[in-house]
Every structure is written in C-alpha cells, then in structure tokens.
PDB file of N, CA and C in Angstrom:
ATOM      1  N   GLN A   1     -39.687  20.387   0.552  1.00  0.00           N
ATOM      2  CA  GLN A   1     -39.386  19.947   1.902  1.00  0.00           C
ATOM      3  C   GLN A   1     -38.054  20.531   2.355  1.00  0.00           C
ATOM      4  N   VAL A   2     -37.808  20.435   3.662  1.00  0.00           N
ATOM      5  CA  VAL A   2     -36.575  20.967   4.229  1.00  0.00           C
ATOM      6  C   VAL A   2     -35.393  20.115   3.761  1.00  0.00           C
ATOM      7  N   GLN A   3     -34.367  20.810   3.266  1.00  0.00           N
ATOM      8  CA  GLN A   3     -33.171  20.113   2.807  1.00  0.00           C
ATOM      9  C   GLN A   3     -31.927  20.913   3.142  1.00  0.00           C
ATOM     10  N   PHE A   4     -30.849  20.184   3.369  1.00  0.00           N
ATOM     11  CA  PHE A   4     -29.539  20.790   3.627  1.00  0.00           C
ATOM     12  C   PHE A   4     -28.500  20.080   2.767  1.00  0.00           C
ATOM     13  N   ALA A   5     -27.635  20.875   2.137  1.00  0.00           N
ATOM     14  CA  ALA A   5     -26.564  20.305   1.315  1.00  0.00           C
ATOM     15  C   ALA A   5     -25.243  20.876   1.789  1.00  0.00           C
ATOM     16  N   GLU A   6     -24.493  20.051   2.512  1.00  0.00           N
ATOM     17  CA  GLU A   6     -23.213  20.480   3.059  1.00  0.00           C
ATOM     18  C   GLU A   6     -22.085  20.160   2.083  1.00  0.00           C
ATOM     19  N   SER A   7     -21.057  21.003   2.076  1.00  0.00           N
ATOM     20  CA  SER A   7     -19.902  20.787   1.214  1.00  0.00           C
ATOM     21  C   SER A   7     -18.676  21.446   1.821  1.00  0.00           C
ATOM     22  N   GLY A   8     -17.519  21.132   1.272  1.00  0.00           N
ATOM     23  CA  GLY A   8     -16.289  21.798   1.680  1.00  0.00           C
ATOM     24  C   GLY A   8     -15.383  20.977   2.573  1.00  0.00           C
ATOM     25  N   GLY A   9     -15.817  19.804   2.965  1.00  0.00           N
ATOM     26  CA  GLY A   9     -14.963  18.970   3.805  1.00  0.00           C
ATOM     27  C   GLY A   9     -13.809  18.377   3.018  1.00  0.00           C
ATOM     28  N   GLY A  10     -12.954  17.666   3.738  1.00  0.00           N
ATOM     29  CA  GLY A  10     -11.816  17.038   3.095  1.00  0.00           C
ATOM     30  C   GLY A  10     -10.761  16.683   4.107  1.00  0.00           C
ATOM     31  N   LEU A  11      -9.573  16.451   3.593  1.00  0.00           N
ATOM     32  CA  LEU A  11      -8.436  16.101   4.440  1.00  0.00           C
ATOM     33  C   LEU A  11      -7.594  17.340   4.678  1.00  0.00           C
ATOM     34  N   ALA A  12      -7.282  17.606   5.930  1.00  0.00           N
ATOM     35  CA  ALA A  12      -6.441  18.735   6.288  1.00  0.00           C
ATOM     36  C   ALA A  12      -5.379  18.281   7.280  1.00  0.00           C
ATOM     37  N   GLN A  13      -4.253  18.945   7.247  1.00  0.00           N
ATOM     38  CA  GLN A  13      -3.202  18.659   8.221  1.00  0.00           C
ATOM     39  C   GLN A  13      -3.487  19.405   9.522  1.00  0.00           C
ATOM     40  N   PRO A  14      -3.001  18.926  10.636  1.00  0.00           N
ATOM     41  CA  PRO A  14      -3.123  19.687  11.879  1.00  0.00           C
ATOM     42  C   PRO A  14      -2.583  21.100  11.687  1.00  0.00           C
ATOM     43  N   GLY A  15      -3.335  22.072  12.175  1.00  0.00           N
ATOM     44  CA  GLY A  15      -2.974  23.459  11.974  1.00  0.00           C
ATOM     45  C   GLY A  15      -3.532  24.060  10.701  1.00  0.00           C
ATOM     46  N   GLY A  16      -4.107  23.252   9.860  1.00  0.00           N
ATOM     47  CA  GLY A  16      -4.656  23.724   8.594  1.00  0.00           C
ATOM     48  C   GLY A  16      -6.045  24.305   8.730  1.00  0.00           C
ATOM     49  N   SER A  17      -6.628  24.659   7.581  1.00  0.00           N
ATOM     50  CA  SER A  17      -7.938  25.302   7.555  1.00  0.00           C
ATOM     51  C   SER A  17      -8.840  24.653   6.514  1.00  0.00           C
ATOM     52  N   LEU A  18     -10.122  24.712   6.776  1.00  0.00           N
ATOM     53  CA  LEU A  18     -11.153  24.324   5.821  1.00  0.00           C
ATOM     54  C   LEU A  18     -12.335  25.262   6.001  1.00  0.00           C
ATOM     55  N   ARG A  19     -13.103  25.443   4.931  1.00  0.00           N
ATOM     56  CA  ARG A  19     -14.318  26.236   5.007  1.00  0.00           C
ATOM     57  C   ARG A  19     -15.484  25.392   4.519  1.00  0.00           C
ATOM     58  N   LEU A  20     -16.427  25.167   5.410  1.00  0.00           N
ATOM     59  CA  LEU A  20     -17.614  24.398   5.071  1.00  0.00           C
ATOM     60  C   LEU A  20     -18.733  25.340   4.643  1.00  0.00           C
ATOM     61  N   SER A  21     -19.557  24.854   3.719  1.00  0.00           N
ATOM     62  CA  SER A  21     -20.739  25.598   3.266  1.00  0.00           C
ATOM     63  C   SER A  21     -21.965  24.705   3.380  1.00  0.00           C
ATOM     64  N   CYS A  22     -23.095  25.326   3.602  1.00  0.00           N
ATOM     65  CA  CYS A  22     -24.356  24.585   3.679  1.00  0.00           C
ATOM     66  C   CYS A  22     -25.437  25.388   2.972  1.00  0.00           C
ATOM     67  N   LYS A  23     -26.052  24.775   1.976  1.00  0.00           N
ATOM     68  CA  LYS A  23     -27.178  25.387   1.268  1.00  0.00           C
ATOM     69  C   LYS A  23     -28.462  24.811   1.853  1.00  0.00           C
ATOM     70  N   ALA A  24     -29.318  25.683   2.357  1.00  0.00           N
ATOM     71  CA  ALA A  24     -30.575  25.263   2.966  1.00  0.00           C
ATOM     72  C   ALA A  24     -31.753  25.614   2.058  1.00  0.00           C
ATOM     73  N   SER A  25     -32.806  24.817   2.124  1.00  0.00           N
ATOM     74  CA  SER A  25     -33.988  25.096   1.326  1.00  0.00           C
ATOM     75  C   SER A  25     -35.217  24.494   2.001  1.00  0.00           C
ATOM     76  N   GLY A  26     -36.388  24.989   1.614  1.00  0.00           N
ATOM     77  CA  GLY A  26     -37.629  24.409   2.104  1.00  0.00           C
ATOM     78  C   GLY A  26     -38.215  25.067   3.336  1.00  0.00           C
ATOM     79  N   PHE A  27     -37.613  26.148   3.810  1.00  0.00           N
ATOM     80  CA  PHE A  27     -38.140  26.877   4.959  1.00  0.00           C
ATOM     81  C   PHE A  27     -37.657  28.315   4.876  1.00  0.00           C
ATOM     82  N   ILE A  28     -38.205  29.172   5.748  1.00  0.00           N
ATOM     83  CA  ILE A  28     -37.837  30.593   5.742  1.00  0.00           C
ATOM     84  C   ILE A  28     -36.523  30.743   6.491  1.00  0.00           C
ATOM     85  N   PHE A  29     -35.434  30.710   5.743  1.00  0.00           N
ATOM     86  CA  PHE A  29     -34.085  30.624   6.300  1.00  0.00           C
ATOM     87  C   PHE A  29     -33.816  31.701   7.346  1.00  0.00           C
ATOM     88  N   GLY A  30     -34.156  32.934   7.032  1.00  0.00           N
ATOM     89  CA  GLY A  30     -33.821  34.049   7.910  1.00  0.00           C
ATOM     90  C   GLY A  30     -34.548  34.034   9.239  1.00  0.00           C
ATOM     91  N   ALA A  31     -35.562  33.204   9.377  1.00  0.00           N
ATOM     92  CA  ALA A  31     -36.356  33.164  10.599  1.00  0.00           C
ATOM     93  C   ALA A  31     -35.785  32.222  11.648  1.00  0.00           C
ATOM     94  N   TYR A  32     -34.737  31.504  11.299  1.00  0.00           N
ATOM     95  CA  TYR A  32     -34.200  30.469  12.202  1.00  0.00           C
ATOM     96  C   TYR A  32     -32.747  30.725  12.580  1.00  0.00           C
ATOM     97  N   TYR A  33     -32.423  30.355  13.829  1.00  0.00           N
ATOM     98  CA  TYR A  33     -31.024  30.185  14.178  1.00  0.00           C
ATOM     99  C   TYR A  33     -30.519  28.975  13.386  1.00  0.00           C
ATOM    100  N   MET A  34     -29.339  29.105  12.815  1.00  0.00           N
ATOM    101  CA  MET A  34     -28.738  27.999  12.090  1.00  0.00           C
ATOM    102  C   MET A  34     -27.521  27.496  12.862  1.00  0.00           C
ATOM    103  N   ALA A  35     -27.184  26.246  12.663  1.00  0.00           N
ATOM    104  CA  ALA A  35     -26.109  25.651  13.448  1.00  0.00           C
ATOM    105  C   ALA A  35     -25.330  24.625  12.644  1.00  0.00           C
ATOM    106  N   TRP A  36     -24.105  24.432  13.060  1.00  0.00           N
ATOM    107  CA  TRP A  36     -23.279  23.324  12.577  1.00  0.00           C
ATOM    108  C   TRP A  36     -23.139  22.324  13.719  1.00  0.00           C
ATOM    109  N   TYR A  37     -23.278  21.063  13.360  1.00  0.00           N
ATOM    110  CA  TYR A  37     -23.094  19.965  14.288  1.00  0.00           C
ATOM    111  C   TYR A  37     -22.017  19.044  13.718  1.00  0.00           C
ATOM    112  N   ARG A  38     -21.491  18.181  14.573  1.00  0.00           N
ATOM    113  CA  ARG A  38     -20.554  17.176  14.078  1.00  0.00           C
ATOM    114  C   ARG A  38     -20.734  15.882  14.858  1.00  0.00           C
ATOM    115  N   GLN A  39     -20.380  14.797  14.183  1.00  0.00           N
ATOM    116  CA  GLN A  39     -20.467  13.487  14.813  1.00  0.00           C
ATOM    117  C   GLN A  39     -19.248  12.678  14.427  1.00  0.00           C
ATOM    118  N   ALA A  40     -18.472  12.314  15.430  1.00  0.00           N
ATOM    119  CA  ALA A  40     -17.300  11.467  15.228  1.00  0.00           C
ATOM    120  C   ALA A  40     -17.710  10.005  15.409  1.00  0.00           C
ATOM    121  N   PRO A  41     -16.969   9.089  14.824  1.00  0.00           N
ATOM    122  CA  PRO A  41     -17.307   7.663  14.956  1.00  0.00           C
ATOM    123  C   PRO A  41     -17.431   7.241  16.415  1.00  0.00           C
ATOM    124  N   GLY A  42     -18.533   6.593  16.728  1.00  0.00           N
ATOM    125  CA  GLY A  42     -18.745   6.103  18.076  1.00  0.00           C
ATOM    126  C   GLY A  42     -19.168   7.145  19.087  1.00  0.00           C
ATOM    127  N   LYS A  43     -19.402   8.371  18.622  1.00  0.00           N
ATOM    128  CA  LYS A  43     -19.794   9.443  19.536  1.00  0.00           C
ATOM    129  C   LYS A  43     -21.134  10.028  19.123  1.00  0.00           C
ATOM    130  N   GLN A  44     -21.765  10.731  20.052  1.00  0.00           N
ATOM    131  CA  GLN A  44     -23.024  11.389  19.750  1.00  0.00           C
ATOM    132  C   GLN A  44     -22.778  12.658  18.946  1.00  0.00           C
ATOM    133  N   ARG A  45     -23.782  13.033  18.199  1.00  0.00           N
ATOM    134  CA  ARG A  45     -23.718  14.298  17.471  1.00  0.00           C
ATOM    135  C   ARG A  45     -23.658  15.449  18.477  1.00  0.00           C
ATOM    136  N   GLU A  46     -22.791  16.425  18.205  1.00  0.00           N
ATOM    137  CA  GLU A  46     -22.657  17.559  19.116  1.00  0.00           C
ATOM    138  C   GLU A  46     -22.797  18.882  18.363  1.00  0.00           C
ATOM    139  N   LEU A  47     -23.266  19.887  19.081  1.00  0.00           N
ATOM    140  CA  LEU A  47     -23.399  21.225  18.521  1.00  0.00           C
ATOM    141  C   LEU A  47     -22.030  21.892  18.519  1.00  0.00           C
ATOM    142  N   VAL A  48     -21.636  22.393  17.368  1.00  0.00           N
ATOM    143  CA  VAL A  48     -20.330  23.051  17.223  1.00  0.00           C
ATOM    144  C   VAL A  48     -20.472  24.562  17.313  1.00  0.00           C
ATOM    145  N   ALA A  49     -21.436  25.112  16.584  1.00  0.00           N
ATOM    146  CA  ALA A  49     -21.603  26.562  16.547  1.00  0.00           C
ATOM    147  C   ALA A  49     -23.007  26.886  16.035  1.00  0.00           C
ATOM    148  N   SER A  50     -23.512  28.041  16.435  1.00  0.00           N
ATOM    149  CA  SER A  50     -24.802  28.493  15.924  1.00  0.00           C
ATOM    150  C   SER A  50     -24.751  29.983  15.647  1.00  0.00           C
ATOM    151  N   VAL A  51     -25.653  30.428  14.777  1.00  0.00           N
ATOM    152  CA  VAL A  51     -25.695  31.837  14.391  1.00  0.00           C
ATOM    153  C   VAL A  51     -27.133  32.286  14.269  1.00  0.00           C
ATOM    154  N   GLY A  52     -27.430  33.428  14.911  1.00  0.00           N
ATOM    155  CA  GLY A  52     -28.740  34.042  14.778  1.00  0.00           C
ATOM    156  C   GLY A  52     -28.629  35.255  13.891  1.00  0.00           C
ATOM    157  N   ARG A  53     -29.497  36.243  14.141  1.00  0.00           N
ATOM    158  CA  ARG A  53     -29.443  37.462  13.325  1.00  0.00           C
ATOM    159  C   ARG A  53     -28.176  38.242  13.633  1.00  0.00           C
ATOM    160  N   ASN A  54     -27.862  38.365  14.921  1.00  0.00           N
ATOM    161  CA  ASN A  54     -26.703  39.181  15.324  1.00  0.00           C
ATOM    162  C   ASN A  54     -25.880  38.524  16.420  1.00  0.00           C
ATOM    163  N   SER A  55     -25.991  37.218  16.543  1.00  0.00           N
ATOM    164  CA  SER A  55     -25.277  36.552  17.625  1.00  0.00           C
ATOM    165  C   SER A  55     -24.732  35.211  17.159  1.00  0.00           C
ATOM    166  N   THR A  56     -23.670  34.804  17.791  1.00  0.00           N
ATOM    167  CA  THR A  56     -23.063  33.501  17.519  1.00  0.00           C
ATOM    168  C   THR A  56     -22.719  32.820  18.839  1.00  0.00           C
ATOM    169  N   THR A  57     -22.733  31.512  18.816  1.00  0.00           N
ATOM    170  CA  THR A  57     -22.289  30.733  19.968  1.00  0.00           C
ATOM    171  C   THR A  57     -21.386  29.618  19.472  1.00  0.00           C
ATOM    172  N   TYR A  58     -20.476  29.190  20.336  1.00  0.00           N
ATOM    173  CA  TYR A  58     -19.515  28.156  19.971  1.00  0.00           C
ATOM    174  C   TYR A  58     -19.327  27.172  21.114  1.00  0.00           C
ATOM    175  N   ALA A  59     -19.068  25.923  20.740  1.00  0.00           N
ATOM    176  CA  ALA A  59     -18.637  24.952  21.727  1.00  0.00           C
ATOM    177  C   ALA A  59     -17.260  25.367  22.242  1.00  0.00           C
ATOM    178  N   ASP A  60     -16.993  25.084  23.503  1.00  0.00           N
ATOM    179  CA  ASP A  60     -15.708  25.471  24.086  1.00  0.00           C
ATOM    180  C   ASP A  60     -14.532  24.898  23.295  1.00  0.00           C
ATOM    181  N   SER A  61     -14.717  23.727  22.738  1.00  0.00           N
ATOM    182  CA  SER A  61     -13.626  23.042  22.033  1.00  0.00           C
ATOM    183  C   SER A  61     -13.212  23.737  20.734  1.00  0.00           C
ATOM    184  N   VAL A  62     -14.062  24.630  20.212  1.00  0.00           N
ATOM    185  CA  VAL A  62     -13.729  25.274  18.937  1.00  0.00           C
ATOM    186  C   VAL A  62     -13.619  26.789  19.049  1.00  0.00           C
ATOM    187  N   LYS A  63     -13.887  27.341  20.227  1.00  0.00           N
ATOM    188  CA  LYS A  63     -13.812  28.798  20.397  1.00  0.00           C
ATOM    189  C   LYS A  63     -12.430  29.316  20.033  1.00  0.00           C
ATOM    190  N   GLY A  64     -12.418  30.403  19.277  1.00  0.00           N
ATOM    191  CA  GLY A  64     -11.162  31.001  18.865  1.00  0.00           C
ATOM    192  C   GLY A  64     -10.555  30.377  17.620  1.00  0.00           C
ATOM    193  N   ARG A  65     -11.130  29.264  17.166  1.00  0.00           N
ATOM    194  CA  ARG A  65     -10.607  28.587  15.975  1.00  0.00           C
ATOM    195  C   ARG A  65     -11.628  28.544  14.845  1.00  0.00           C
ATOM    196  N   PHE A  66     -12.898  28.398  15.177  1.00  0.00           N
ATOM    197  CA  PHE A  66     -13.964  28.294  14.175  1.00  0.00           C
ATOM    198  C   PHE A  66     -14.783  29.582  14.165  1.00  0.00           C
ATOM    199  N   THR A  67     -15.294  29.930  12.983  1.00  0.00           N
ATOM    200  CA  THR A  67     -16.171  31.081  12.827  1.00  0.00           C
ATOM    201  C   THR A  67     -17.368  30.691  11.984  1.00  0.00           C
ATOM    202  N   ILE A  68     -18.564  30.892  12.539  1.00  0.00           N
ATOM    203  CA  ILE A  68     -19.787  30.615  11.797  1.00  0.00           C
ATOM    204  C   ILE A  68     -20.339  31.922  11.240  1.00  0.00           C
ATOM    205  N   SER A  69     -20.900  31.854  10.037  1.00  0.00           N
ATOM    206  CA  SER A  69     -21.516  33.029   9.436  1.00  0.00           C
ATOM    207  C   SER A  69     -22.648  32.572   8.522  1.00  0.00           C
ATOM    208  N   ARG A  70     -23.458  33.521   8.075  1.00  0.00           N
ATOM    209  CA  ARG A  70     -24.599  33.176   7.235  1.00  0.00           C
ATOM    210  C   ARG A  70     -24.841  34.252   6.190  1.00  0.00           C
ATOM    211  N   ASP A  71     -25.449  33.859   5.105  1.00  0.00           N
ATOM    212  CA  ASP A  71     -25.861  34.771   4.049  1.00  0.00           C
ATOM    213  C   ASP A  71     -27.353  34.523   3.819  1.00  0.00           C
ATOM    214  N   ASN A  72     -28.186  35.356   4.397  1.00  0.00           N
ATOM    215  CA  ASN A  72     -29.633  35.130   4.320  1.00  0.00           C
ATOM    216  C   ASN A  72     -30.181  35.306   2.902  1.00  0.00           C
ATOM    217  N   ALA A  73     -29.511  36.096   2.101  1.00  0.00           N
ATOM    218  CA  ALA A  73     -29.970  36.301   0.722  1.00  0.00           C
ATOM    219  C   ALA A  73     -29.811  35.039  -0.120  1.00  0.00           C
ATOM    220  N   LYS A  74     -28.842  34.210   0.272  1.00  0.00           N
ATOM    221  CA  LYS A  74     -28.548  33.007  -0.519  1.00  0.00           C
ATOM    222  C   LYS A  74     -28.877  31.719   0.218  1.00  0.00           C
ATOM    223  N   ASN A  75     -29.438  31.834   1.413  1.00  0.00           N
ATOM    224  CA  ASN A  75     -29.748  30.656   2.230  1.00  0.00           C
ATOM    225  C   ASN A  75     -28.517  29.791   2.477  1.00  0.00           C
ATOM    226  N   LEU A  76     -27.416  30.439   2.801  1.00  0.00           N
ATOM    227  CA  LEU A  76     -26.160  29.741   3.031  1.00  0.00           C
ATOM    228  C   LEU A  76     -25.667  29.983   4.450  1.00  0.00           C
ATOM    229  N   VAL A  77     -25.066  28.963   5.015  1.00  0.00           N
ATOM    230  CA  VAL A  77     -24.380  29.101   6.292  1.00  0.00           C
ATOM    231  C   VAL A  77     -22.992  28.495   6.128  1.00  0.00           C
ATOM    232  N   TYR A  78     -22.009  29.152   6.723  1.00  0.00           N
ATOM    233  CA  TYR A  78     -20.614  28.763   6.556  1.00  0.00           C
ATOM    234  C   TYR A  78     -19.984  28.419   7.904  1.00  0.00           C
ATOM    235  N   LEU A  79     -18.929  27.631   7.840  1.00  0.00           N
ATOM    236  CA  LEU A  79     -18.112  27.377   9.021  1.00  0.00           C
ATOM    237  C   LEU A  79     -16.649  27.440   8.592  1.00  0.00           C
ATOM    238  N   GLN A  80     -15.981  28.518   8.988  1.00  0.00           N
ATOM    239  CA  GLN A  80     -14.545  28.653   8.736  1.00  0.00           C
ATOM    240  C   GLN A  80     -13.812  27.989   9.886  1.00  0.00           C
ATOM    241  N   MET A  81     -12.993  27.010   9.565  1.00  0.00           N
ATOM    242  CA  MET A  81     -12.285  26.231  10.582  1.00  0.00           C
ATOM    243  C   MET A  81     -10.792  26.441  10.417  1.00  0.00           C
ATOM    244  N   ASN A  82     -10.179  27.043  11.401  1.00  0.00           N
ATOM    245  CA  ASN A  82      -8.736  27.295  11.390  1.00  0.00           C
ATOM    246  C   ASN A  82      -8.061  26.511  12.500  1.00  0.00           C
ATOM    247  N   ASN A  83      -6.746  26.367  12.379  1.00  0.00           N
ATOM    248  CA  ASN A  83      -5.962  25.660  13.390  1.00  0.00           C
ATOM    249  C   ASN A  83      -6.607  24.312  13.733  1.00  0.00           C
ATOM    250  N   LEU A  84      -6.901  23.557  12.709  1.00  0.00           N
ATOM    251  CA  LEU A  84      -7.585  22.284  12.898  1.00  0.00           C
ATOM    252  C   LEU A  84      -6.750  21.298  13.708  1.00  0.00           C
ATOM    253  N   LYS A  85      -7.458  20.484  14.477  1.00  0.00           N
ATOM    254  CA  LYS A  85      -6.820  19.479  15.327  1.00  0.00           C
ATOM    255  C   LYS A  85      -7.367  18.091  14.954  1.00  0.00           C
ATOM    256  N   PRO A  86      -6.617  17.049  15.220  1.00  0.00           N
ATOM    257  CA  PRO A  86      -7.113  15.694  14.915  1.00  0.00           C
ATOM    258  C   PRO A  86      -8.476  15.404  15.544  1.00  0.00           C
ATOM    259  N   GLU A  87      -8.735  15.980  16.703  1.00  0.00           N
ATOM    260  CA  GLU A  87     -10.021  15.748  17.368  1.00  0.00           C
ATOM    261  C   GLU A  87     -11.187  16.454  16.679  1.00  0.00           C
ATOM    262  N   ASP A  88     -10.913  17.267  15.683  1.00  0.00           N
ATOM    263  CA  ASP A  88     -11.979  17.867  14.878  1.00  0.00           C
ATOM    264  C   ASP A  88     -12.484  16.911  13.799  1.00  0.00           C
ATOM    265  N   THR A  89     -11.826  15.787  13.636  1.00  0.00           N
ATOM    266  CA  THR A  89     -12.251  14.810  12.635  1.00  0.00           C
ATOM    267  C   THR A  89     -13.651  14.299  12.943  1.00  0.00           C
ATOM    268  N   ALA A  90     -14.550  14.461  11.979  1.00  0.00           N
ATOM    269  CA  ALA A  90     -15.958  14.093  12.170  1.00  0.00           C
ATOM    270  C   ALA A  90     -16.724  14.339  10.883  1.00  0.00           C
ATOM    271  N   GLN A  91     -17.958  13.857  10.860  1.00  0.00           N
ATOM    272  CA  GLN A  91     -18.904  14.240   9.821  1.00  0.00           C
ATOM    273  C   GLN A  91     -19.605  15.497  10.319  1.00  0.00           C
ATOM    274  N   TYR A  92     -19.633  16.533   9.481  1.00  0.00           N
ATOM    275  CA  TYR A  92     -20.214  17.811   9.858  1.00  0.00           C
ATOM    276  C   TYR A  92     -21.543  18.012   9.132  1.00  0.00           C
ATOM    277  N   TYR A  93     -22.518  18.500   9.909  1.00  0.00           N
ATOM    278  CA  TYR A  93     -23.865  18.726   9.400  1.00  0.00           C
ATOM    279  C   TYR A  93     -24.348  20.126   9.767  1.00  0.00           C
ATOM    280  N   CYS A  94     -25.207  20.686   8.937  1.00  0.00           N
ATOM    281  CA  CYS A  94     -25.884  21.916   9.343  1.00  0.00           C
ATOM    282  C   CYS A  94     -27.376  21.612   9.514  1.00  0.00           C
ATOM    283  N   ASN A  95     -28.020  22.449  10.303  1.00  0.00           N
ATOM    284  CA  ASN A  95     -29.458  22.307  10.547  1.00  0.00           C
ATOM    285  C   ASN A  95     -29.928  23.538  11.291  1.00  0.00           C
ATOM    286  N   ARG A  96     -31.180  23.677  11.432  1.00  0.00           N
ATOM    287  CA  ARG A  96     -31.755  24.677  12.318  1.00  0.00           C
ATOM    288  C   ARG A  96     -31.381  24.257  13.736  1.00  0.00           C
ATOM    289  N   ARG A  97     -30.992  25.251  14.543  1.00  0.00           N
ATOM    290  CA  ARG A  97     -30.587  24.932  15.906  1.00  0.00           C
ATOM    291  C   ARG A  97     -31.753  24.372  16.697  1.00  0.00           C
ATOM    292  N   GLY A  98     -31.505  23.264  17.352  1.00  0.00           N
ATOM    293  CA  GLY A  98     -32.534  22.653  18.189  1.00  0.00           C
ATOM    294  C   GLY A  98     -33.418  21.646  17.484  1.00  0.00           C
ATOM    295  N   TYR A  99     -33.264  21.495  16.183  1.00  0.00           N
ATOM    296  CA  TYR A  99     -34.054  20.535  15.431  1.00  0.00           C
ATOM    297  C   TYR A  99     -33.271  19.242  15.256  1.00  0.00           C
ATOM    298  N   ASN A 100     -33.967  18.129  15.342  1.00  0.00           N
ATOM    299  CA  ASN A 100     -33.325  16.823  15.194  1.00  0.00           C
ATOM    300  C   ASN A 100     -34.014  16.039  14.083  1.00  0.00           C
ATOM    301  N   SER A 101     -34.203  16.690  12.955  1.00  0.00           N
ATOM    302  CA  SER A 101     -34.827  16.038  11.820  1.00  0.00           C
ATOM    303  C   SER A 101     -34.294  16.671  10.552  1.00  0.00           C
ATOM    304  N   ASP A 102     -34.614  16.033   9.402  1.00  0.00           N
ATOM    305  CA  ASP A 102     -34.258  16.584   8.091  1.00  0.00           C
ATOM    306  C   ASP A 102     -32.762  16.725   7.892  1.00  0.00           C
ATOM    307  N   TRP A 103     -31.976  15.848   8.465  1.00  0.00           N
ATOM    308  CA  TRP A 103     -30.526  15.929   8.334  1.00  0.00           C
ATOM    309  C   TRP A 103     -30.102  15.656   6.896  1.00  0.00           C
ATOM    310  N   GLY A 104     -29.076  16.379   6.454  1.00  0.00           N
ATOM    311  CA  GLY A 104     -28.489  16.142   5.148  1.00  0.00           C
ATOM    312  C   GLY A 104     -27.444  15.045   5.226  1.00  0.00           C
ATOM    313  N   GLN A 105     -26.674  14.899   4.147  1.00  0.00           N
ATOM    314  CA  GLN A 105     -25.639  13.870   4.091  1.00  0.00           C
ATOM    315  C   GLN A 105     -24.432  14.244   4.930  1.00  0.00           C
ATOM    316  N   GLY A 106     -24.251  15.533   5.152  1.00  0.00           N
ATOM    317  CA  GLY A 106     -23.076  15.982   5.879  1.00  0.00           C
ATOM    318  C   GLY A 106     -21.851  16.025   4.981  1.00  0.00           C
ATOM    319  N   THR A 107     -20.758  16.505   5.548  1.00  0.00           N
ATOM    320  CA  THR A 107     -19.487  16.536   4.827  1.00  0.00           C
ATOM    321  C   THR A 107     -18.392  16.083   5.789  1.00  0.00           C
ATOM    322  N   GLN A 108     -17.523  15.223   5.309  1.00  0.00           N
ATOM    323  CA  GLN A 108     -16.507  14.614   6.164  1.00  0.00           C
ATOM    324  C   GLN A 108     -15.288  15.519   6.281  1.00  0.00           C
ATOM    325  N   VAL A 109     -14.854  15.736   7.498  1.00  0.00           N
ATOM    326  CA  VAL A 109     -13.619  16.459   7.774  1.00  0.00           C
ATOM    327  C   VAL A 109     -12.664  15.497   8.467  1.00  0.00           C
ATOM    328  N   THR A 110     -11.491  15.355   7.892  1.00  0.00           N
ATOM    329  CA  THR A 110     -10.462  14.496   8.465  1.00  0.00           C
ATOM    330  C   THR A 110      -9.200  15.318   8.666  1.00  0.00           C
ATOM    331  N   VAL A 111      -8.724  15.345   9.893  1.00  0.00           N
ATOM    332  CA  VAL A 111      -7.518  16.101  10.222  1.00  0.00           C
ATOM    333  C   VAL A 111      -6.434  15.102  10.620  1.00  0.00           C
ATOM    334  N   SER A 112      -5.433  15.020   9.788  1.00  0.00           N
ATOM    335  CA  SER A 112      -4.391  14.023   9.994  1.00  0.00           C
ATOM    336  C   SER A 112      -3.126  14.433   9.266  1.00  0.00           C
ATOM    337  N   SER A 113      -2.001  14.076   9.835  1.00  0.00           N
ATOM    338  CA  SER A 113      -0.722  14.330   9.161  1.00  0.00           C
ATOM    339  C   SER A 113      -0.304  13.114   8.337  1.00  0.00           C
TER     340      SER A 113
END
C-alpha cells in the first residue's frame, strides 16, 4: 500500500536550517508530482512546495528559503529549509500533490530561540 515516512525535523533557531526527507513506497514514484505540506496547531494543512519531473512550485511564504528536490531512483523527496522563521513551526508531511489520503506520521519542525 501507499506509504510515506518523513524524517529530519527537529528544533532549530530562527535563521537556522533543516533538511527533511521522505521515503515513499507503494506506487510508481516517478509518475507523480510530489509535495510537502505542513500543518500548524489550529490551522489547516497547507501546500508548501511541489516537484515534478522538471518543475517546482512554492508557497509565497517559503519562496527563496525552501528548496524541494527528488531522487526517483530511491523514491525520496527532500525539503531543504533555510533561514527558518518561527512561523515555519508545524508538522510537515509529504504526499503526492493533490491527494488527501495515505498520510504518514509527518515530522515536527519547531523554530524557536
């Protein structure tokens, strides 16, 4: 079945960096746009970034700070997060873009001094 295993979260100071990883399984990885989403307490889940074969998109709030990438040979998708801000604090999830099922556990990112 479709599964996602996110990792790499943790506590970072404002201005710091983290790199998230997501291992996907159970579907033909290279055939899908992949995406990172996040959900902060009391807020709806939002799309942070997505990556296709040769294209990427970003939420305005993370443009210039986050970089999404993928390794189709290993079924991995990454999110490099630089210049982190307290408002980036959230649970981060990966999934196929546009799908609202098969969510993994996510990985917690906390940005605080």
